[in-house]
Amino acid sequence: MNIPTNLRYTSSHEWVRTEADGTVSIGITDHAQGALGDLVYLELPEVGRKLAAAEACAVVESVKAASDVYAPIAGEVVAVNDAVTKAPEQVNQDAYGAWLFRMKPADASAAAKLLDARAYEATIGDA
């Protein structure tokens, strides 16, 4: 199971990477994309949308199911990855390279309070 140690995670299977400019990139974990199967459609939040932590803000659809993506922290959406909406299979190929959207956090320390790789691995067990 691929769980990079430089990222933070949520129990709902989102990953968070803090960028040099203070924004955070958000995607779904390798575990999540594997459970969903081949992704066929992504619906991402609009730039400028203000999100509360744990708010459903995006949808990923696969040949098997549709699943909500939740904002891991509160903040404002500052960018979306249009490339993955045109080619959702990129998420299956590289879940940690294919970010979905970026946020400017309402609280700069919020991402550090999310699960680290070891804690996330414990939440998914031997899945």
Protein backbone atom coordinates (compact mmCIF):
# COMPACT_ATOMS: atom_id res chain seq x y z
CA MET A 1 0.00 0.00 0.00
CA ASN A 2 1.39 3.38 -1.03
CA ILE A 3 1.10 5.91 1.84
CA PRO A 4 3.68 8.72 1.46
CA THR A 5 5.00 9.98 4.79
CA ASN A 6 5.22 13.62 3.63
CA LEU A 7 1.43 13.97 3.36
CA ARG A 8 -1.43 14.27 5.86
CA TYR A 9 -4.62 12.22 5.62
CA THR A 10 -8.26 12.04 6.66
CA SER A 11 -10.20 8.99 7.76
CA SER A 12 -12.45 9.64 4.71
CA HIS A 13 -9.42 8.93 2.44
CA GLU A 14 -8.32 12.39 1.29
CA TRP A 15 -4.65 13.36 1.28
CA VAL A 16 -3.28 16.86 1.92
CA ARG A 17 0.05 18.33 0.85
CA THR A 18 1.12 21.76 2.10
CA GLU A 19 2.70 23.74 -0.75
CA ALA A 20 5.52 26.30 -0.49
CA ASP A 21 3.06 29.20 -0.95
CA GLY A 22 0.96 28.09 2.05
CA THR A 23 -1.86 26.59 0.00
CA VAL A 24 -2.75 22.92 0.33
CA SER A 25 -3.29 20.42 -2.48
CA ILE A 26 -5.97 17.79 -1.91
CA GLY A 27 -6.60 14.46 -3.58
CA ILE A 28 -7.87 10.98 -2.81
CA THR A 29 -5.59 8.29 -1.47
CA ASP A 30 -4.26 5.29 -3.31
CA HIS A 31 -6.46 3.15 -1.05
CA ALA A 32 -9.56 5.13 -2.10
CA GLN A 33 -8.86 4.96 -5.83
CA GLY A 34 -8.16 1.24 -5.53
CA ALA A 35 -11.45 0.64 -3.72
CA LEU A 36 -13.39 2.69 -6.28
CA GLY A 37 -11.83 1.11 -9.35
CA ASP A 38 -11.50 2.83 -12.71
CA LEU A 39 -12.55 6.47 -12.36
CA VAL A 40 -14.73 7.81 -15.17
CA TYR A 41 -15.90 11.22 -13.92
CA LEU A 42 -14.83 13.92 -11.45
CA GLU A 43 -16.85 16.90 -10.26
CA LEU A 44 -14.65 19.46 -8.50
CA PRO A 45 -15.57 22.51 -6.41
CA GLU A 46 -15.59 25.96 -8.00
CA VAL A 47 -12.66 28.32 -7.47
CA GLY A 48 -13.63 30.87 -4.82
CA ARG A 49 -15.90 28.48 -2.90
CA LYS A 50 -15.42 28.66 0.85
CA LEU A 51 -15.48 25.25 2.50
CA ALA A 52 -15.94 24.07 6.05
CA ALA A 53 -13.82 21.19 7.31
CA ALA A 54 -15.50 17.85 6.49
CA GLU A 55 -17.87 19.49 3.96
CA ALA A 56 -18.67 17.38 0.89
CA CYS A 57 -17.24 19.41 -1.98
CA ALA A 58 -16.40 17.08 -4.88
CA VAL A 59 -17.53 13.80 -6.40
CA VAL A 60 -15.51 10.97 -7.88
CA GLU A 61 -17.34 8.40 -9.98
CA SER A 62 -16.04 5.03 -11.06
CA VAL A 63 -17.52 2.18 -13.00
CA LYS A 64 -18.54 0.73 -9.61
CA ALA A 65 -19.73 3.69 -7.50
CA ALA A 66 -19.84 7.42 -6.86
CA SER A 67 -18.22 8.84 -3.75
CA ASP A 68 -18.07 12.26 -2.14
CA VAL A 69 -14.77 13.98 -1.49
CA TYR A 70 -14.66 16.03 1.70
CA ALA A 71 -12.70 19.18 2.48
CA PRO A 72 -10.06 18.04 4.97
CA ILE A 73 -9.78 21.54 6.45
CA ALA A 74 -11.67 24.83 6.24
CA GLY A 75 -10.63 27.34 3.61
CA GLU A 76 -11.18 28.74 0.13
CA VAL A 77 -10.71 26.84 -3.12
CA VAL A 78 -8.00 28.63 -5.11
CA ALA A 79 -7.44 26.15 -7.98
CA VAL A 80 -8.85 22.99 -9.52
CA ASN A 81 -6.97 20.44 -11.59
CA ASP A 82 -8.79 20.59 -14.94
CA ALA A 83 -6.45 17.92 -16.36
CA VAL A 84 -7.95 15.23 -14.10
CA THR A 85 -11.52 16.18 -15.02
CA LYS A 86 -10.61 15.55 -18.67
CA ALA A 87 -8.70 12.33 -17.84
CA PRO A 88 -9.90 10.88 -14.49
CA GLU A 89 -7.77 7.78 -15.01
CA GLN A 90 -4.78 9.92 -13.96
CA VAL A 91 -5.99 9.49 -10.37
CA ASN A 92 -5.89 5.69 -10.79
CA GLN A 93 -2.41 5.88 -12.30
CA ASP A 94 -0.90 8.20 -9.65
CA ALA A 95 -3.25 9.07 -6.79
CA TYR A 96 -0.66 11.29 -5.09
CA GLY A 97 0.44 13.10 -8.24
CA ALA A 98 -3.09 13.79 -9.48
CA TRP A 99 -4.33 16.42 -7.05
CA LEU A 100 -7.99 17.45 -7.34
CA PHE A 101 -8.09 20.98 -5.92
CA ARG A 102 -6.07 23.49 -3.91
CA MET A 103 -7.21 25.53 -0.95
CA LYS A 104 -6.02 28.53 1.01
CA PRO A 105 -6.50 27.30 4.58
CA ALA A 106 -8.54 29.39 7.02
CA ASP A 107 -6.06 28.21 9.69
CA ALA A 108 -2.50 27.63 8.51
CA SER A 109 -1.90 24.99 11.19
CA ALA A 110 -5.02 22.93 10.40
CA ALA A 111 -3.31 20.49 8.00
CA ALA A 112 -0.72 19.55 10.62
CA LYS A 113 -3.56 18.30 12.85
CA LEU A 114 -4.68 15.67 10.31
CA LEU A 115 -3.56 12.03 10.37
CA ASP A 116 0.05 11.24 9.57
CA ALA A 117 0.91 8.25 7.37
CA ARG A 118 1.15 5.81 10.28
CA ALA A 119 -2.19 6.89 11.76
CA TYR A 120 -3.88 6.72 8.34
CA GLU A 121 -2.47 3.25 7.76
CA ALA A 122 -3.93 2.18 11.11
CA THR A 123 -7.39 3.44 10.07
CA ILE A 124 -7.44 1.34 6.91
CA GLY A 125 -5.88 -1.72 8.54
CA ASP A 126 -4.92 -4.50 6.16
CA ALA A 127 -7.35 -3.35 3.46
